[in-house]
Amino acid sequence: MKMTFIAAAVATTLMAAPALADCAADLAKVEEAMKTVKLDEATAKKATELTEKAKAAMAAADEAACTASSKELLTLVGM
C-alpha cells in the first residue's frame, strides 16, 4: 500500500514538472522582453501583477494558473 502511494506521488510530480518548466521558460521570455518593450503605465502594472501571479502559482505547483498567467503575459508583451 505504501509503495503504491509513493509511486503515485512520484509519477504525479514527474508529470507536473515539465509543465511547470514550460511556465518558468515563458516567464524568462517575458522578463527578457520587458527589458526592450515599451509599455504604458497601466499595461506595465498589469504585466507586473500577472508576473507575480504566475510566480505564486508556480511556487504552489498550480500548473493551470501558471500557464494561464504566462500566456496572458506573452500576449501582453507582444509575443
N, C-alpha and C. Protein backbone atom coordinates (compact mmCIF):
# COMPACT_ATOMS: atom_id res chain seq x y z
N MET A 1 0.83 -1.19 0.00
CA MET A 1 0.00 0.00 0.00
C MET A 1 0.88 1.26 0.00
N LYS A 2 1.89 1.28 0.86
CA LYS A 2 2.78 2.43 0.92
C LYS A 2 3.50 2.64 -0.41
N MET A 3 3.94 1.55 -1.00
CA MET A 3 4.68 1.65 -2.26
C MET A 3 3.79 2.20 -3.37
N THR A 4 2.52 1.82 -3.38
CA THR A 4 1.60 2.33 -4.39
C THR A 4 1.42 3.83 -4.23
N PHE A 5 1.27 4.27 -2.99
CA PHE A 5 1.11 5.69 -2.72
C PHE A 5 2.36 6.47 -3.13
N ILE A 6 3.51 5.94 -2.77
CA ILE A 6 4.77 6.61 -3.12
C ILE A 6 4.95 6.66 -4.63
N ALA A 7 4.64 5.56 -5.31
CA ALA A 7 4.77 5.52 -6.77
C ALA A 7 3.83 6.54 -7.42
N ALA A 8 2.61 6.63 -6.90
CA ALA A 8 1.65 7.60 -7.44
C ALA A 8 2.13 9.03 -7.21
N ALA A 9 2.69 9.31 -6.05
CA ALA A 9 3.18 10.65 -5.75
C ALA A 9 4.35 11.02 -6.65
N VAL A 10 5.25 10.09 -6.86
CA VAL A 10 6.41 10.33 -7.73
C VAL A 10 5.94 10.55 -9.17
N ALA A 11 5.01 9.72 -9.64
CA ALA A 11 4.51 9.86 -11.02
C ALA A 11 3.83 11.21 -11.22
N THR A 12 3.05 11.63 -10.25
CA THR A 12 2.36 12.93 -10.35
C THR A 12 3.38 14.06 -10.42
N THR A 13 4.39 14.00 -9.59
CA THR A 13 5.42 15.03 -9.58
C THR A 13 6.17 15.08 -10.91
N LEU A 14 6.52 13.92 -11.42
CA LEU A 14 7.26 13.87 -12.69
C LEU A 14 6.42 14.37 -13.85
N MET A 15 5.13 14.15 -13.82
CA MET A 15 4.26 14.60 -14.90
C MET A 15 4.03 16.11 -14.83
N ALA A 16 4.01 16.68 -13.65
CA ALA A 16 3.78 18.11 -13.49
C ALA A 16 5.04 18.92 -13.75
N ALA A 17 6.18 18.37 -13.51
CA ALA A 17 7.44 19.11 -13.63
C ALA A 17 7.66 19.71 -15.02
N PRO A 18 7.43 18.98 -16.12
CA PRO A 18 7.66 19.59 -17.43
C PRO A 18 6.75 20.79 -17.69
N ALA A 19 5.51 20.71 -17.26
CA ALA A 19 4.60 21.83 -17.48
C ALA A 19 5.06 23.06 -16.71
N LEU A 20 5.48 22.87 -15.48
CA LEU A 20 5.97 23.99 -14.69
C LEU A 20 7.28 24.53 -15.27
N ALA A 21 8.05 23.66 -15.86
CA ALA A 21 9.28 24.12 -16.52
C ALA A 21 8.93 25.01 -17.71
N ASP A 22 7.87 24.66 -18.44
CA ASP A 22 7.41 25.49 -19.55
C ASP A 22 6.99 26.86 -19.04
N CYS A 23 6.31 26.88 -17.91
CA CYS A 23 5.87 28.14 -17.32
C CYS A 23 7.09 28.98 -16.94
N ALA A 24 8.08 28.36 -16.34
CA ALA A 24 9.29 29.08 -15.96
C ALA A 24 10.00 29.64 -17.19
N ALA A 25 10.03 28.85 -18.26
CA ALA A 25 10.65 29.31 -19.50
C ALA A 25 9.88 30.49 -20.09
N ASP A 26 8.55 30.42 -20.03
CA ASP A 26 7.74 31.53 -20.53
C ASP A 26 7.98 32.79 -19.71
N LEU A 27 8.08 32.64 -18.40
CA LEU A 27 8.35 33.79 -17.54
C LEU A 27 9.71 34.40 -17.86
N ALA A 28 10.68 33.57 -18.14
CA ALA A 28 12.01 34.07 -18.50
C ALA A 28 11.94 34.84 -19.82
N LYS A 29 11.17 34.35 -20.78
CA LYS A 29 11.00 35.05 -22.06
C LYS A 29 10.36 36.41 -21.84
N VAL A 30 9.34 36.45 -20.99
CA VAL A 30 8.64 37.71 -20.71
C VAL A 30 9.58 38.69 -20.04
N GLU A 31 10.32 38.23 -19.05
CA GLU A 31 11.24 39.13 -18.34
C GLU A 31 12.30 39.68 -19.29
N GLU A 32 12.76 38.88 -20.22
CA GLU A 32 13.73 39.35 -21.22
C GLU A 32 13.08 40.38 -22.15
N ALA A 33 11.86 40.10 -22.58
CA ALA A 33 11.15 41.02 -23.47
C ALA A 33 10.84 42.35 -22.78
N MET A 34 10.57 42.30 -21.48
CA MET A 34 10.24 43.51 -20.74
C MET A 34 11.40 44.51 -20.72
N LYS A 35 12.61 44.02 -20.97
CA LYS A 35 13.77 44.90 -20.99
C LYS A 35 13.76 45.82 -22.21
N THR A 36 13.11 45.39 -23.28
CA THR A 36 13.15 46.17 -24.52
C THR A 36 11.78 46.70 -24.96
N VAL A 37 10.71 46.09 -24.48
CA VAL A 37 9.36 46.51 -24.88
C VAL A 37 8.95 47.73 -24.07
N LYS A 38 8.40 48.71 -24.76
CA LYS A 38 7.90 49.91 -24.08
C LYS A 38 6.40 49.73 -23.83
N LEU A 39 6.01 49.73 -22.56
CA LEU A 39 4.61 49.58 -22.18
C LEU A 39 4.14 50.83 -21.47
N ASP A 40 2.86 51.16 -21.69
CA ASP A 40 2.31 52.29 -20.94
C ASP A 40 2.17 51.87 -19.47
N GLU A 41 1.90 52.82 -18.62
CA GLU A 41 1.88 52.58 -17.18
C GLU A 41 0.87 51.50 -16.78
N ALA A 42 -0.32 51.55 -17.34
CA ALA A 42 -1.36 50.58 -17.00
C ALA A 42 -0.97 49.17 -17.44
N THR A 43 -0.41 49.06 -18.62
CA THR A 43 0.00 47.75 -19.14
C THR A 43 1.17 47.20 -18.34
N ALA A 44 2.10 48.06 -17.97
CA ALA A 44 3.24 47.63 -17.16
C ALA A 44 2.76 47.14 -15.80
N LYS A 45 1.78 47.81 -15.23
CA LYS A 45 1.22 47.39 -13.94
C LYS A 45 0.56 46.03 -14.08
N LYS A 46 -0.20 45.85 -15.15
CA LYS A 46 -0.87 44.56 -15.40
C LYS A 46 0.18 43.45 -15.57
N ALA A 47 1.26 43.74 -16.29
CA ALA A 47 2.33 42.76 -16.50
C ALA A 47 2.97 42.37 -15.18
N THR A 48 3.19 43.34 -14.31
CA THR A 48 3.78 43.06 -13.00
C THR A 48 2.85 42.17 -12.18
N GLU A 49 1.55 42.49 -12.20
CA GLU A 49 0.58 41.68 -11.46
C GLU A 49 0.53 40.25 -11.99
N LEU A 50 0.53 40.10 -13.31
CA LEU A 50 0.49 38.76 -13.90
C LEU A 50 1.77 37.98 -13.61
N THR A 51 2.91 38.66 -13.60
CA THR A 51 4.16 38.00 -13.28
C THR A 51 4.14 37.48 -11.85
N GLU A 52 3.68 38.31 -10.93
CA GLU A 52 3.59 37.89 -9.54
C GLU A 52 2.62 36.71 -9.39
N LYS A 53 1.50 36.77 -10.10
CA LYS A 53 0.51 35.70 -10.05
C LYS A 53 1.10 34.40 -10.60
N ALA A 54 1.82 34.49 -11.71
CA ALA A 54 2.42 33.30 -12.31
C ALA A 54 3.48 32.70 -11.39
N LYS A 55 4.30 33.55 -10.79
CA LYS A 55 5.35 33.05 -9.89
C LYS A 55 4.74 32.39 -8.66
N ALA A 56 3.67 32.97 -8.13
CA ALA A 56 2.99 32.37 -6.97
C ALA A 56 2.38 31.03 -7.35
N ALA A 57 1.78 30.96 -8.53
CA ALA A 57 1.18 29.71 -8.99
C ALA A 57 2.26 28.65 -9.20
N MET A 58 3.40 29.06 -9.73
CA MET A 58 4.50 28.13 -9.95
C MET A 58 5.01 27.60 -8.61
N ALA A 59 5.13 28.47 -7.63
CA ALA A 59 5.59 28.06 -6.30
C ALA A 59 4.59 27.09 -5.65
N ALA A 60 3.31 27.27 -5.97
CA ALA A 60 2.28 26.40 -5.41
C ALA A 60 2.04 25.17 -6.28
N ALA A 61 2.82 25.03 -7.35
CA ALA A 61 2.69 23.91 -8.29
C ALA A 61 1.31 23.87 -8.93
N ASP A 62 0.73 25.07 -9.17
CA ASP A 62 -0.57 25.18 -9.83
C ASP A 62 -0.32 25.42 -11.32
N GLU A 63 -0.21 24.33 -12.05
CA GLU A 63 0.14 24.37 -13.46
C GLU A 63 -0.83 25.21 -14.28
N ALA A 64 -2.12 25.02 -14.06
CA ALA A 64 -3.13 25.73 -14.86
C ALA A 64 -3.04 27.24 -14.67
N ALA A 65 -2.94 27.68 -13.43
CA ALA A 65 -2.86 29.11 -13.16
C ALA A 65 -1.57 29.72 -13.69
N CYS A 66 -0.48 29.00 -13.54
CA CYS A 66 0.81 29.49 -14.03
C CYS A 66 0.78 29.62 -15.55
N THR A 67 0.29 28.60 -16.21
CA THR A 67 0.21 28.61 -17.68
C THR A 67 -0.70 29.73 -18.17
N ALA A 68 -1.84 29.89 -17.53
CA ALA A 68 -2.78 30.94 -17.94
C ALA A 68 -2.16 32.33 -17.79
N SER A 69 -1.50 32.56 -16.67
CA SER A 69 -0.87 33.87 -16.43
C SER A 69 0.27 34.11 -17.40
N SER A 70 1.09 33.09 -17.63
CA SER A 70 2.23 33.29 -18.53
C SER A 70 1.79 33.49 -19.96
N LYS A 71 0.73 32.81 -20.39
CA LYS A 71 0.22 33.00 -21.75
C LYS A 71 -0.32 34.42 -21.91
N GLU A 72 -1.03 34.91 -20.90
CA GLU A 72 -1.55 36.27 -20.95
C GLU A 72 -0.40 37.28 -20.98
N LEU A 73 0.64 36.99 -20.22
CA LEU A 73 1.82 37.86 -20.23
C LEU A 73 2.49 37.90 -21.58
N LEU A 74 2.65 36.73 -22.20
CA LEU A 74 3.27 36.67 -23.53
C LEU A 74 2.48 37.51 -24.53
N THR A 75 1.17 37.43 -24.46
CA THR A 75 0.32 38.23 -25.35
C THR A 75 0.48 39.72 -25.05
N LEU A 76 0.52 40.04 -23.77
CA LEU A 76 0.62 41.43 -23.35
C LEU A 76 1.88 42.10 -23.86
N VAL A 77 2.99 41.36 -23.92
CA VAL A 77 4.25 41.95 -24.38
C VAL A 77 4.48 41.72 -25.88
N GLY A 78 3.48 41.15 -26.54
CA GLY A 78 3.55 41.01 -28.00
C GLY A 78 4.30 39.80 -28.50
N MET A 79 4.28 38.75 -27.73
CA MET A 79 4.97 37.52 -28.15
C MET A 79 3.98 36.45 -28.53
